[in-house]
Each structure stands twice: as C-alpha cells, then as structure tokens.
Protein backbone atom coordinates (compact mmCIF):
# COMPACT_ATOMS: atom_id res chain seq x y z
CA UNK A 1 0.07 -0.20 0.08
CA UNK A 2 2.64 2.28 0.73
CA UNK A 3 4.62 1.76 -2.03
CA UNK A 4 1.85 3.01 -4.51
CA UNK A 5 3.06 5.72 -6.79
CA UNK A 6 0.40 7.65 -5.67
CA UNK A 7 -0.24 7.19 -1.64
CA UNK A 8 2.75 7.84 0.14
CA UNK A 9 2.15 10.16 2.87
CA UNK A 10 3.97 10.83 6.62
CA UNK A 11 1.40 11.72 9.46
CA UNK A 12 2.90 13.29 12.24
CA UNK A 13 3.07 11.58 15.77
CA UNK A 14 3.01 14.45 17.96
CA UNK A 15 0.80 17.49 17.62
CA UNK A 16 2.70 21.10 17.54
CA UNK A 17 0.64 24.03 16.95
CA UNK A 18 -2.10 22.11 14.86
CA UNK A 19 1.20 20.53 12.84
CA UNK A 20 1.48 16.56 13.16
CA UNK A 21 4.89 15.41 13.37
CA UNK A 22 6.06 12.47 11.33
CA UNK A 23 8.22 9.70 13.65
CA UNK A 24 9.78 9.11 16.88
CA UNK A 25 13.43 8.93 17.14
CA UNK A 26 15.62 7.78 19.94
CA UNK A 27 18.26 10.68 18.91
CA UNK A 28 17.47 14.52 19.33
CA UNK A 29 17.48 15.71 15.94
CA UNK A 30 14.85 17.38 13.83
CA UNK A 31 13.27 14.50 11.77
CA UNK A 32 9.87 16.02 11.07
CA UNK A 33 8.78 14.85 7.80
CA UNK A 34 6.20 16.64 5.29
CA UNK A 35 4.24 15.67 2.48
CA UNK A 36 6.82 15.18 -0.24
CA UNK A 37 4.29 14.73 -2.99
CA UNK A 38 0.66 13.35 -4.24
CA UNK A 39 -1.84 14.04 -7.24
CA UNK A 40 -4.50 12.63 -4.81
CA UNK A 41 -6.32 16.05 -3.92
CA UNK A 42 -8.43 14.36 -1.17
CA UNK A 43 -4.61 13.55 1.05
CA UNK A 44 -3.15 16.88 0.06
CA UNK A 45 -6.50 18.55 1.83
CA UNK A 46 -6.31 16.40 4.87
CA UNK A 47 -3.11 18.19 6.10
CA UNK A 48 -3.63 21.63 4.15
CA UNK A 49 -6.84 21.81 6.03
CA UNK A 50 -7.12 24.57 8.71
CA UNK A 51 -10.65 22.69 10.36
CA UNK A 52 -10.09 19.56 11.85
CA UNK A 53 -11.84 16.55 10.01
CA UNK A 54 -12.98 13.41 11.91
CA UNK A 55 -12.05 10.31 10.14
CA UNK A 56 -13.48 6.95 10.38
CA UNK A 57 -10.55 4.01 10.26
CA UNK A 58 -11.48 1.93 7.49
CA UNK A 59 -8.02 0.02 7.46
CA UNK A 60 -4.93 -0.73 9.70
CA UNK A 61 -2.15 -2.46 8.54
CA UNK A 62 0.91 -3.33 10.36
CA UNK A 63 4.41 -3.28 9.13
CA UNK A 64 8.26 -3.93 10.61
CA UNK A 65 7.35 -6.61 12.85
CA UNK A 66 9.27 -9.70 13.17
CA UNK A 67 8.41 -11.24 16.58
CA UNK A 68 5.40 -9.45 17.44
CA UNK A 69 1.97 -10.53 16.47
CA UNK A 70 -0.04 -8.01 14.39
CA UNK A 71 -3.44 -8.46 16.35
CA UNK A 72 -1.54 -7.93 19.54
CA UNK A 73 -0.06 -4.77 18.25
CA UNK A 74 -3.28 -3.26 16.85
CA UNK A 75 -4.99 -3.95 20.27
CA UNK A 76 -1.91 -2.06 22.17
CA UNK A 77 -2.33 0.90 19.93
CA UNK A 78 -5.48 1.98 20.41
CA UNK A 79 -6.77 2.45 16.83
CA UNK A 80 -8.62 -0.39 15.28
CA UNK A 81 -10.82 -0.33 12.32
CA UNK A 82 -13.99 1.62 13.12
CA UNK A 83 -12.63 3.79 15.74
CA UNK A 84 -12.21 7.54 14.78
CA UNK A 85 -9.40 10.00 15.01
CA UNK A 86 -9.16 13.91 14.23
CA UNK A 87 -6.89 15.36 11.37
CA UNK A 88 -5.09 17.57 11.80
CA UNK A 89 -4.66 18.56 15.71
CA UNK A 90 -6.41 15.23 17.09
CA UNK A 91 -4.79 13.41 19.97
CA UNK A 92 -5.23 9.84 18.81
CA UNK A 93 -2.21 9.26 16.77
CA UNK A 94 0.10 10.74 19.57
CA UNK A 95 -1.31 8.97 22.04
CA UNK A 96 -1.04 5.56 20.24
CA UNK A 97 2.61 6.18 19.95
CA UNK A 98 3.37 7.26 23.46
CA UNK A 99 1.27 3.66 24.51
CA UNK A 100 3.66 1.77 22.08
CA UNK A 101 6.57 3.55 22.78
CA UNK A 102 6.41 2.97 26.61
CA UNK A 103 6.59 -0.73 25.91
CA UNK A 104 10.34 -0.85 25.32
CA UNK A 105 10.29 -2.83 22.65
CA UNK A 106 10.58 -0.46 19.42
CA UNK A 107 13.31 2.08 18.83
CA UNK A 108 10.85 3.57 15.89
CA UNK A 109 7.29 4.04 15.33
CA UNK A 110 5.36 5.63 12.52
CA UNK A 111 1.79 6.14 11.10
CA UNK A 112 1.40 6.54 7.58
CA UNK A 113 -1.76 7.51 5.77
CA UNK A 114 -2.54 5.43 2.79
CA UNK A 115 -6.05 6.42 1.57
CA UNK A 116 -8.63 8.97 1.91
CA UNK A 117 -11.99 8.08 0.99
CA UNK A 118 -14.36 10.73 1.84
CA UNK A 119 -14.85 10.37 5.77
CA UNK A 120 -13.03 7.04 5.86
CA UNK A 121 -9.01 6.87 6.37
CA UNK A 122 -6.56 4.09 5.62
CA UNK A 123 -3.62 3.80 7.91
CA UNK A 124 -0.45 1.74 8.15
CA UNK A 125 1.45 1.24 11.54
CA UNK A 126 5.40 0.65 10.73
CA UNK A 127 7.65 -0.29 13.68
CA UNK A 128 11.52 -1.13 14.19
CA UNK A 129 11.61 -3.49 16.46
CA UNK A 130 14.25 -2.96 19.34
CA UNK A 131 17.34 -5.73 19.08
CA UNK A 132 17.21 -8.67 21.33
CA UNK A 133 19.74 -9.87 23.78
CA UNK A 134 20.84 -13.55 22.82
CA UNK A 135 23.74 -13.64 25.45
CA UNK A 136 25.91 -10.79 27.76
CA UNK A 137 29.50 -11.64 28.82
CA UNK A 138 31.35 -9.77 31.56
CA UNK A 139 35.15 -9.20 31.09
CA UNK A 140 38.05 -8.19 32.93
CA UNK A 141 36.73 -9.41 36.02
CA UNK A 142 37.09 -13.44 37.60
CA UNK A 143 34.64 -16.25 36.54
CA UNK A 144 32.93 -16.19 40.14
CA UNK A 145 32.40 -13.05 39.92
CA UNK A 146 30.91 -13.17 36.19
CA UNK A 147 28.46 -15.39 37.64
CA UNK A 148 27.48 -13.38 40.35
CA UNK A 149 27.33 -10.57 38.31
CA UNK A 150 24.87 -12.61 35.80
CA UNK A 151 22.16 -12.94 38.62
CA UNK A 152 22.36 -9.45 39.69
CA UNK A 153 22.38 -7.45 36.37
CA UNK A 154 18.99 -7.93 35.78
CA UNK A 155 19.52 -8.88 31.81
CA UNK A 156 17.36 -11.75 30.86
CA UNK A 157 18.41 -13.24 27.21
CA UNK A 158 15.74 -12.75 24.64
CA UNK A 159 14.39 -9.38 26.20
CA UNK A 160 14.62 -6.54 23.78
CA UNK A 161 17.56 -4.04 24.50
CA UNK A 162 16.70 -1.02 25.83
CA UNK A 163 18.74 1.79 27.71
CA UNK A 164 16.87 1.96 31.08
CA UNK A 165 18.47 -1.94 30.74
CA UNK A 166 21.97 -1.23 30.23
CA UNK A 167 21.62 1.56 32.89
CA UNK A 168 20.28 -0.82 35.63
CA UNK A 169 22.65 -3.46 34.60
CA UNK A 170 26.02 -0.70 35.31
CA UNK A 171 24.08 0.46 38.61
CA UNK A 172 23.93 -3.26 39.73
CA UNK A 173 27.60 -3.36 38.59
CA UNK A 174 29.12 -0.53 40.44
CA UNK A 175 26.80 -1.49 43.76
CA UNK A 176 28.36 -5.21 43.62
CA UNK A 177 31.90 -3.82 43.08
CA UNK A 178 31.05 -0.89 46.03
CA UNK A 179 30.24 -3.43 48.36
CA UNK A 180 33.63 -4.95 48.19
CA UNK A 181 35.35 -1.77 48.23
CA UNK A 182 35.90 -0.91 44.73
CA UNK A 183 34.48 2.40 44.29
CA UNK A 184 35.77 4.02 41.20
CA UNK A 185 34.80 1.02 38.48
CA UNK A 186 35.03 2.08 34.79
CA UNK A 187 32.46 -0.04 32.43
CA UNK A 188 32.35 -0.15 28.93
CA UNK A 189 29.52 -1.68 27.19
CA UNK A 190 29.87 -3.24 24.01
CA UNK A 191 27.22 -4.33 21.30
CA UNK A 192 27.80 -6.57 18.41
CA UNK A 193 25.35 -8.03 16.25
CA UNK A 194 24.54 -11.77 16.68
CA UNK A 195 24.85 -13.49 13.10
CA UNK A 196 23.00 -16.73 14.35
CA UNK A 197 19.92 -15.16 14.94
CA UNK A 198 17.55 -11.77 13.19
CA UNK A 199 17.79 -8.61 14.81
CA UNK A 200 20.08 -9.95 17.94
CA UNK A 201 23.08 -8.49 19.72
CA UNK A 202 25.56 -9.79 21.88
CA UNK A 203 26.41 -7.56 25.05
CA UNK A 204 29.71 -7.05 26.50
CA UNK A 205 30.50 -5.35 29.83
CA UNK A 206 34.15 -4.79 29.94
CA UNK A 207 34.62 -3.73 33.46
CA UNK A 208 38.07 -2.23 35.25
CA UNK A 209 37.50 -2.26 39.36
CA UNK A 210 40.50 -0.44 39.95
CA UNK A 211 41.99 -0.42 42.98
CA UNK A 212 40.22 -1.16 46.57
CA UNK A 213 39.46 2.38 48.05
CA UNK A 214 40.26 2.10 51.96
CA UNK A 215 39.39 4.49 54.73
CA UNK A 216 42.42 6.48 55.39
CA UNK A 217 41.68 9.06 58.43
CA UNK A 218 38.34 9.25 60.21
CA UNK A 219 38.14 12.74 61.86
CA UNK A 220 35.10 14.23 64.00
CA UNK A 221 34.11 17.52 64.62
CA UNK A 222 32.09 18.84 67.48
CA UNK A 223 32.44 16.07 69.85
CA UNK A 224 33.62 17.34 73.88
CA UNK A 225 31.97 14.73 75.93
CA UNK A 226 33.13 11.67 74.06
CA UNK A 227 36.54 11.28 72.27
CA UNK A 228 36.91 10.33 68.95
CA UNK A 229 39.05 7.07 69.55
CA UNK A 230 35.80 5.83 71.34
CA UNK A 231 33.53 7.00 68.91
CA UNK A 232 35.97 5.29 65.98
CA UNK A 233 35.43 1.83 67.70
CA UNK A 234 31.91 2.08 67.68
CA UNK A 235 31.95 2.27 63.69
CA UNK A 236 32.37 -1.53 63.11
CA UNK A 237 32.33 -1.42 59.58
CA UNK A 238 33.90 1.86 58.81
CA UNK A 239 37.78 1.17 59.85
CA UNK A 240 40.97 3.14 59.13
CA UNK A 241 43.90 1.29 57.51
CA UNK A 242 47.29 0.53 59.17
CA UNK A 243 49.71 3.61 58.70
CA UNK A 244 53.30 4.19 60.04
CA UNK A 245 54.10 7.30 59.24
CA UNK A 246 56.13 10.71 60.77
CA UNK A 247 53.82 12.78 58.63
CA UNK A 248 50.18 12.40 59.24
CA UNK A 249 48.35 13.36 55.96
CA UNK A 250 47.02 16.73 56.19
CA UNK A 251 45.26 16.51 53.11
CA UNK A 252 41.56 17.72 53.73
CA UNK A 253 38.21 19.74 52.21
CA UNK A 254 36.76 23.09 53.31
CA UNK A 255 35.43 22.25 56.61
CA UNK A 256 34.41 26.19 57.21
CA UNK A 257 32.08 26.36 59.93
CA UNK A 258 32.48 22.31 60.94
CA UNK A 259 35.12 23.81 64.02
CA UNK A 260 38.25 22.34 64.58
CA UNK A 261 38.73 18.70 65.18
CA UNK A 262 39.96 17.80 68.64
CA UNK A 263 43.92 16.57 68.51
CA UNK A 264 45.21 15.10 71.70
CA UNK A 265 48.80 16.61 71.70
CA UNK A 266 52.00 16.52 73.99
CA UNK A 267 50.92 18.87 76.77
CA UNK A 268 47.36 16.81 76.97
CA UNK A 269 49.41 13.87 77.34
CA UNK A 270 51.91 14.90 80.08
CA UNK A 271 49.26 17.30 82.06
CA UNK A 272 46.80 14.05 82.02
CA UNK A 273 49.90 11.65 83.01
CA UNK A 274 48.64 9.86 79.96
CA UNK A 275 52.10 7.57 80.05
CA UNK A 276 50.38 5.68 82.80
CA UNK A 277 47.29 4.48 80.47
CA UNK A 278 47.29 2.57 77.28
CA UNK A 279 44.18 4.40 75.97
CA UNK A 280 45.83 8.06 76.44
CA UNK A 281 48.91 6.66 74.69
CA UNK A 282 47.04 5.15 71.88
CA UNK A 283 45.39 8.15 71.23
CA UNK A 284 48.66 10.40 71.31
CA UNK A 285 50.35 7.88 68.78
CA UNK A 286 47.09 6.83 66.74
CA UNK A 287 47.89 9.71 63.82
CA UNK A 288 51.33 8.24 63.32
CA UNK A 289 51.11 4.22 64.37
CA UNK A 290 47.99 2.74 63.55
CA UNK A 291 48.14 -1.23 63.38
CA UNK A 292 45.18 -3.34 62.74
CA UNK A 293 46.03 -6.21 60.01
CA UNK A 294 43.18 -8.18 61.05
CA UNK A 295 40.30 -5.52 60.28
CA UNK A 296 39.08 -4.81 56.65
CA UNK A 297 39.51 -1.08 56.15
CA UNK A 298 37.98 -1.03 52.82
CA UNK A 299 35.16 1.56 52.75
CA UNK A 300 31.28 0.20 52.14
CA UNK A 301 28.94 2.82 51.49
CA UNK A 302 25.87 0.65 53.05
CA UNK A 303 28.11 -0.15 56.20
CA UNK A 304 29.09 3.76 56.73
CA UNK A 305 25.53 4.48 56.93
CA UNK A 306 24.75 1.95 59.62
CA UNK A 307 27.98 3.23 61.51
CA UNK A 308 26.40 6.62 61.70
CA UNK A 309 23.25 5.39 63.66
CA UNK A 310 25.45 3.00 65.85
CA UNK A 311 27.45 6.50 66.86
CA UNK A 312 23.70 8.08 67.55
CA UNK A 313 22.62 4.87 69.60
CA UNK A 314 26.12 5.09 71.49
CA UNK A 315 25.64 8.62 72.28
CA UNK A 316 21.98 8.02 73.20
CA UNK A 317 23.30 5.26 75.50
CA UNK A 318 25.26 7.80 77.65
CA UNK A 319 22.58 10.45 77.99
CA UNK A 320 22.66 12.32 74.93
CA UNK A 321 19.36 11.85 73.78
CA UNK A 322 19.00 14.99 71.28
CA UNK A 323 22.71 13.82 69.74
CA UNK A 324 22.80 14.03 65.82
CA UNK A 325 25.15 14.07 62.83
CA UNK A 326 25.14 17.56 61.39
CA UNK A 327 26.76 16.78 58.25
CA UNK A 328 29.66 14.66 57.14
CA UNK A 329 31.84 14.42 54.06
CA UNK A 330 33.84 11.63 52.16
CA UNK A 331 36.67 12.58 49.95
CA UNK A 332 39.49 10.99 48.28
CA UNK A 333 43.28 11.61 49.13
CA UNK A 334 46.02 11.62 46.06
CA UNK A 335 46.95 8.08 46.74
CA UNK A 336 42.72 6.94 45.97
CA UNK A 337 41.66 6.53 49.07
CA UNK A 338 39.27 8.04 51.48
CA UNK A 339 39.11 10.31 54.55
CA UNK A 340 35.84 10.75 56.26
CA UNK A 341 34.98 13.65 58.21
CA UNK A 342 31.73 13.79 60.44
CA UNK A 343 30.33 16.99 62.59
CA UNK A 344 28.47 15.69 65.43
CA UNK A 345 26.20 17.91 67.83
CA UNK A 346 26.00 15.89 71.15
CA UNK A 347 23.22 18.03 72.75
CA UNK A 348 22.23 18.08 76.50
CA UNK A 349 23.09 15.00 78.85
CA UNK A 350 19.96 13.70 80.55
CA UNK A 351 18.98 11.63 83.30
CA UNK A 352 15.92 9.54 84.44
CA UNK A 353 13.33 11.04 86.42
CA UNK A 354 10.30 9.53 87.97
CA UNK A 355 8.72 6.16 86.67
CA UNK A 356 5.16 5.45 86.85
CA UNK A 357 3.48 2.59 85.76
CA UNK A 358 -0.38 2.80 84.10
CA UNK A 359 -2.87 -0.20 83.32
CA UNK A 360 -1.06 -3.11 85.14
CA UNK A 361 -3.63 -5.15 86.94
CA UNK A 362 -1.55 -8.30 87.26
CA UNK A 363 1.68 -7.28 89.26
CA UNK A 364 2.22 -4.15 91.38
CA UNK A 365 4.58 -1.42 90.85
CA UNK A 366 6.90 -2.49 93.28
CA UNK A 367 7.65 -5.50 91.48
CA UNK A 368 7.92 -3.60 87.83
CA UNK A 369 10.08 -1.18 89.40
CA UNK A 370 12.65 -4.30 90.55
CA UNK A 371 12.71 -5.93 86.95
CA UNK A 372 13.14 -2.24 85.43
CA UNK A 373 16.10 -1.67 87.53
CA UNK A 374 16.11 1.75 86.64
CA UNK A 375 16.38 4.80 89.30
CA UNK A 376 15.88 8.37 89.50
CA UNK A 377 19.43 10.14 88.59
CA UNK A 378 20.30 7.39 86.48
CA UNK A 379 21.61 8.32 83.14
CA UNK A 380 19.31 8.24 80.16
CA UNK A 381 20.09 5.35 78.27
CA UNK A 382 17.57 4.34 75.51
CA UNK A 383 18.92 0.95 74.68
CA UNK A 384 18.45 0.28 78.09
CA UNK A 385 15.41 1.03 78.72
CA UNK A 386 14.14 -0.76 75.76
CA UNK A 387 15.90 -3.85 77.11
CA UNK A 388 14.33 -3.77 80.13
CA UNK A 389 10.55 -3.63 78.57
CA UNK A 390 11.51 -6.19 76.27
CA UNK A 391 10.63 -3.75 73.45
CA UNK A 392 12.57 -2.69 70.14
CA UNK A 393 14.37 -5.73 69.93
CA UNK A 394 15.82 -6.01 73.59
CA UNK A 395 16.86 -9.19 74.47
CA UNK A 396 17.15 -8.96 78.91
CA UNK A 397 15.89 -12.36 79.98
CA UNK A 398 14.60 -10.35 82.91
CA UNK A 399 12.38 -7.98 80.90
CA UNK A 400 9.02 -6.80 81.84
CA UNK A 401 7.76 -8.25 78.59
CA UNK A 402 9.14 -11.40 79.34
CA UNK A 403 7.30 -11.31 82.95
CA UNK A 404 4.01 -11.08 80.97
CA UNK A 405 4.78 -13.96 77.90
CA UNK A 406 6.11 -16.59 80.52
CA UNK A 407 2.85 -16.18 82.18
CA UNK A 408 0.10 -16.47 79.09
CA UNK A 409 0.01 -12.45 78.06
CA UNK A 410 0.53 -13.05 74.55
CA UNK A 411 -1.22 -9.64 73.67
CA UNK A 412 0.84 -7.71 76.08
CA UNK A 413 2.18 -4.56 74.88
CA UNK A 414 3.98 -1.55 76.75
CA UNK A 415 4.83 1.91 75.45
CA UNK A 416 7.42 4.23 77.29
CA UNK A 417 5.94 7.67 77.29
CA UNK A 418 8.61 10.76 78.22
CA UNK A 419 5.75 12.75 79.99
CA UNK A 420 8.09 15.68 81.33
CA UNK A 421 10.93 16.92 80.25
CA UNK A 422 12.71 19.36 82.65
CA UNK A 423 16.39 20.92 82.79
CA UNK A 424 18.29 17.30 82.46
CA UNK A 425 15.70 15.25 83.50
CA UNK A 426 12.84 13.00 81.80
CA UNK A 427 9.67 11.55 83.52
CA UNK A 428 8.27 8.44 82.05
CA UNK A 429 5.05 7.07 82.13
CA UNK A 430 4.63 3.49 81.15
CA UNK A 431 1.56 2.69 79.06
CA UNK A 432 0.61 -1.08 79.34
CA UNK A 433 -2.17 -3.02 77.83
CA UNK A 434 -1.87 -6.47 79.20
CA UNK A 435 -4.67 -8.09 77.23
CA UNK A 436 -6.53 -11.65 77.96
CA UNK A 437 -4.52 -14.70 79.17
CA UNK A 438 -3.69 -16.53 76.00
CA UNK A 439 -4.49 -20.31 75.51
CA UNK A 440 -3.14 -22.79 73.33
CA UNK A 441 -5.66 -24.77 71.49
CA UNK A 442 -3.29 -26.35 69.17
CA UNK A 443 0.47 -27.25 68.69
CA UNK A 444 1.59 -28.06 64.98
CA UNK A 445 4.73 -30.02 63.64
CA UNK A 446 6.01 -29.50 60.35
CA UNK A 447 9.09 -30.52 58.39
CA UNK A 448 9.56 -33.91 59.91
CA UNK A 449 9.67 -36.06 57.49
CA UNK A 450 11.84 -39.03 58.44
CA UNK A 451 11.32 -38.53 62.42
CA UNK A 452 8.15 -39.83 63.90
CA UNK A 453 5.78 -36.99 65.12
CA UNK A 454 5.24 -38.67 68.74
CA UNK A 455 9.51 -38.35 69.41
CA UNK A 456 9.27 -34.82 68.70
CA UNK A 457 6.04 -34.20 70.98
CA UNK A 458 7.81 -35.80 73.80
CA UNK A 459 10.49 -33.36 73.59
CA UNK A 460 7.95 -30.49 73.57
CA UNK A 461 7.13 -28.70 76.96
CA UNK A 462 3.70 -26.50 75.59
CA UNK A 463 0.60 -28.83 75.03
CA UNK A 464 -3.11 -27.99 73.99
CA UNK A 465 -4.93 -26.29 77.07
CA UNK A 466 -1.58 -24.92 78.58
CA UNK A 467 -1.23 -21.03 78.65
CA UNK A 468 1.16 -19.71 76.57
CA UNK A 469 4.42 -19.48 77.71
CA UNK A 470 7.67 -18.47 75.87
CA UNK A 471 10.00 -19.92 78.18
CA UNK A 472 7.72 -23.08 77.62
CA UNK A 473 8.62 -22.75 74.09
CA UNK A 474 12.34 -21.89 74.47
CA UNK A 475 12.91 -24.94 76.71
CA UNK A 476 11.28 -27.08 73.61
CA UNK A 477 13.35 -25.64 71.11
CA UNK A 478 16.69 -26.39 73.79
CA UNK A 479 15.23 -30.29 74.03
CA UNK A 480 14.71 -30.42 70.04
CA UNK A 481 18.21 -29.54 69.89
CA UNK A 482 19.53 -32.27 72.06
CA UNK A 483 17.66 -35.10 69.67
CA UNK A 484 20.06 -33.84 67.02
CA UNK A 485 17.72 -34.47 64.12
CA UNK A 486 17.31 -30.98 63.27
CA UNK A 487 19.16 -27.92 61.88
CA UNK A 488 18.98 -25.55 65.17
CA UNK A 489 19.37 -22.45 63.36
CA UNK A 490 16.37 -23.12 61.51
CA UNK A 491 13.83 -24.20 63.97
CA UNK A 492 11.09 -21.47 63.71
CA UNK A 493 7.99 -21.67 66.14
CA UNK A 494 5.39 -19.25 64.94
CA UNK A 495 2.31 -18.29 67.21
CA UNK A 496 -0.88 -17.49 65.34
CA UNK A 497 -3.00 -15.51 68.14
CA UNK A 498 -6.79 -14.80 67.90
CA UNK A 499 -7.19 -11.77 70.36
CA UNK A 500 -11.16 -12.38 69.56
CA UNK A 501 -11.02 -15.12 71.80
CA UNK A 502 -7.57 -15.18 73.14
CA UNK A 503 -6.62 -18.12 71.89
CA UNK A 504 -3.19 -18.85 70.31
CA UNK A 505 -2.45 -21.95 67.84
CA UNK A 506 1.33 -22.92 67.55
CA UNK A 507 3.23 -24.33 64.88
CA UNK A 508 7.21 -25.89 65.18
CA UNK A 509 8.65 -24.97 61.86
CA UNK A 510 11.59 -28.01 61.45
CA UNK A 511 14.36 -28.52 58.94
CA UNK A 512 15.97 -32.00 59.21
CA UNK A 513 19.44 -32.67 59.11
CA UNK A 514 21.44 -36.08 58.12
CA UNK A 515 22.61 -38.10 60.76
CA UNK A 516 23.69 -41.09 58.58
CA UNK A 517 27.46 -42.03 58.96
CA UNK A 518 30.24 -43.68 56.72
CA UNK A 519 32.91 -45.28 58.52
CA UNK A 520 36.07 -46.42 56.75
CA UNK A 521 38.84 -48.20 57.93
CA UNK A 522 41.99 -50.06 56.53
CA UNK A 523 45.08 -51.84 57.82
CA UNK A 524 48.51 -54.15 56.94
CA UNK A 525 49.41 -57.01 58.19
CA UNK A 526 52.81 -58.86 57.85
CA UNK A 527 51.20 -62.37 56.48
CA UNK A 528 47.54 -61.11 55.78
CA UNK A 529 48.10 -58.37 53.43
CA UNK A 530 46.10 -55.43 52.99
CA UNK A 531 42.56 -55.32 55.03
CA UNK A 532 39.79 -52.76 55.90
CA UNK A 533 36.18 -52.78 56.95
CA UNK A 534 33.46 -50.59 55.51
CA UNK A 535 30.57 -49.16 58.30
CA UNK A 536 27.59 -47.71 57.62
CA UNK A 537 25.15 -46.20 60.09
CA UNK A 538 21.73 -44.86 59.10
CA UNK A 539 19.60 -43.29 61.20
CA UNK A 540 16.32 -43.41 58.51
CA UNK A 541 12.97 -45.10 58.40
CA UNK A 542 11.68 -48.64 59.08
CA UNK A 543 10.61 -48.77 55.24
CA UNK A 544 14.44 -47.47 53.86
CA UNK A 545 15.65 -50.41 56.43
CA UNK A 546 12.96 -53.04 54.82
CA UNK A 547 14.34 -51.79 51.13
CA UNK A 548 17.97 -52.90 52.32
CA UNK A 549 17.24 -55.94 53.68
CA UNK A 550 14.88 -56.98 50.63
CA UNK A 551 17.97 -55.91 48.40
CA UNK A 552 20.30 -58.78 50.01
CA UNK A 553 22.38 -56.25 51.78
CA UNK A 554 23.75 -56.99 54.97
CA UNK A 555 22.29 -54.79 57.78
CA UNK A 556 23.40 -54.64 61.54
CA UNK A 557 20.50 -52.43 63.26
CA UNK A 558 21.31 -50.05 65.29
CA UNK A 559 19.07 -47.91 67.49
CA UNK A 560 16.78 -46.50 65.22
CA UNK A 561 16.34 -42.67 67.07
CA UNK A 562 14.34 -41.56 64.70
CA UNK A 563 11.50 -44.36 65.15
CA UNK A 564 11.32 -45.02 68.88
C-alpha cells in the first residue's frame, strides 16, 4: 500500500500548533517529515485544511513487526478499524504512539496515511523493533564474579535491549563492587550483532575495577563529651587502614564552619599523665601509628550508613538523647583512598526522672520497678530502657515483656512515654496493655519428613490447653536440639494468636538434617596383606531398612532414634 506511486504520505506523531510530527526517533535531531508529493487531492487537503476533520478508520495495516503478533500490536495501539481520529490536531495518534513506545520494544514508530475516501481513512502502522539480547558477558573479572553479576544485572536473554536495561545493569555492577570496596569502577558496554539470529545482539561489559578504596582517616568535629577514639571503635564496619609514618596526612577539604577536630597533643598527654594508661598513649600516637592487620579498612557505603546510626545509639546510651550528625563528608586523597569527616551535635546530657506505671493489674508497681532496675538520677539510656521493657529488639531475659509472655499474656504491650522533660531530667509514664491470657488450642509440627511425630512431641513443653509461655517454647527448642535431628538455626516456632477469643495456635517449623554416617578403616598385616572394613550407620525410617534387607544387603541394626 505504501509503495503505491500516488499514496506516499507521512503523518506526524506529536501535535504541535496544529501540525503533526512524522515519527519518533531515539536521537534529538529534528526528523519531522512533510508531505513530499501526491496527486491525490483528498490526501493533500487532509493536511492543508485549517479546520479539523473527524475520520473513521477503514483499514489498519501493520508492517515491520518480526516477532510481535499483528493483532496484539493493533490492540495495544488503541487504533482499531471502526475507531475515529481527528486530522489535523487530534490526539489519537500521538496517544497511540506513546502507548506503544512505553512498552520499550521499539526504536521507531510511524503512522502512514495510505488512503482517504470521504470521511474514511486507511492507515499503516510501521514499527522498528529493538534488537534482542541473546547472550551477555562480563570481561575483566573472575569467573566467580561474572557468575554473580549475571544474577544481579537484571538482564534476561531474549528480551529487547533498552537504554534503561543497560543503565540498571551498570548500577548493579557498581553497587556490587562498591560493597567490595571498589568505588571507581569503569564500565564500557559493547554491542555486537549476533549473526546466529535475526535482529539480535551480543552484549559485552568490559569492567575495570580499579584499586580497592580504603579508609585513610576518620575525623570528628563537635565532639567534646566523648573522645573521637571511642567513637571510632563504635564504627564496626568503617575502620581506618594501618599506617606507620612520621608525617600524618594533612589532606582535607573546606571545613569552614565545622570547627576544629580535637587533637590529643603532647601537652595534654603530660598534663593527664597519659603515659600511665594505654588508652591515652594510643590516642597520642594514633595519627602516626595505627596497626590492625586483622580488620578490613575497605570503604563500604552501606556499612558506613549503619555506623552513623551506631554513633547516635552510642550517644543515646550515654545520656545524650538529642545527639545527631549535623553533616559528614567523604573525599578522596591523592593516593586514591578516602578520608571521612563527621560533624556531630551532642546536645545536653539527660537523666532518668520519675517512672510511673499505668494499666498494670497483674503485677504491682514494686515488682515492675525491681525488674526495670532504673532509678531516678540514672543516666538516660534508651537502649537499656528498651532492653528492660523487652521492646525494640531488647533481649534482656528478665524484661517486663518476658514476665508477661511467660505467664500467658501474649497480647501484652508496653509503651514508654516521656511525660515531662525539665532541665536535664526526663519523667516517664509506662503505658501498659496487658490483654487477656492466651491459651494454646493446637500445637502443629511441620518439616518432620523422617522423624516420627511422637518422638518430637515427647520433647515439647507446650501442650494444647496450656497457657502460652515463651519460656516453655524456648525450653522445647532446647530439647529438640538435644535430639540432633534438626538444624538448630532453622527451628522456627510461629504463634498465630486470635485476640477475639484469647487463643493461640502454635506451629513448630523444623528442618531435618542428615544423621547417616559412613565409616572406613584399613590396615596392613605382614602375612595377611591389606585389610579393611566399611561401616554404614543409617538413621532412617523402617521402610528404607526393609528395602535394604530385601535387596540382600547385610544390615546390622542400630538403635533407630527417629522411630522410637
């Protein structure tokens, strides 16, 4: 149709001031196409007229599609036989182009007018498909790293190659190596035509990792209450590299307004009699000597962000509730490593004030005070408070939460509320919701493929009808560990509470581990020669033992732990 000598017309895809743009390209050049020639006056007047005319689509042809179904493209385009478009000035064709373009499968989309007869119009949709990735490779790295990058890159063979796909792959590669300490990774992407398949490419990622970036020096600004050396110890994932020098690094960026980092000098050292303590001596020589060969000094952005939160937590544990990191900077040294500067605002040091319990009916205030073990005048410590209450990940075995959970109160909740803050003291109200006692309705066991259920239940301390008890669950897990049948790290008890009737269903999720043993021994005697024995200890089910005997294999029975 388009090849007809009288009907070669290009319509525009995007409407600008009543004109129709011809096609969408991936570059930024002006590729607007105009009507070149036609003897068909109906076609010529369709673009020249100033008043828009509504046309009914009589025919729609699709060309250029090699791997996409024609009917699917028609349906996706939104332009179908019988639908209406307006020329010039209508938004139907640009909207259709936008829908197809957003799929990411095409590098070029064009609508052509092939015929106009009265108020009916015939169109041709021409698409240029993007090449598909058949294989992709990572060059310049080890095979192990290349295999790991294949799963992280997000590239799937057979999918259309898009700029977004390449950008995501590059981001994944940079993130992968940044976690390993390589922050200056150079990546060059090469596309080569795959002659094995039509419209296909081979993708090569040439990677230059560069050198591993290490932390040269960490400086703190604004810390007057806590020494910088103590703060560095709290940064478990960001450590300084070892150094031995008479000339400490002086490289820095503009820290105007940051203040001056505190440096422990000889005068302070002598006044404090620092030569009598290891810590002060280490603080003095730290700029010159820092030897720690067992600690990695590579810089990891993710761990650095975690370490900044650890600094705040440490300040909170020392009473500095309002401590925060005002700003920080990471900059490269001449040798390609990084310096880290952190400015903190410590705020005031706070202390615990009066503590009031609200909502407790099961236990008196006196018992809760003893378990909490925090008195008025103690240094404010958010982490300690959470541990004693058993909230926010607190692990104290004698916590308030454990007291209630061990006695059936599965629905117990406690919320510490700062009721009053005056001067340097904080009063708290412990808002408690005890809830009803929870009763076990069912105790389920999942994952015991070889071990008989009654063997497991003998070890459990939780029975239907009992009150819910966290300590009984922990005791049950210890008893199951003694059996040596299950992976202790993967044992997972899951309570499913029903607050409506105060009941709970408990499920023990178990993963069995193999307990079979193969024993080999050999010996050599002067007149006998080489001798040997083979022993096989099977901890398995009676069915497997029956099959072994049925096959004629000699079997010495041993206590079957799983079945007794």
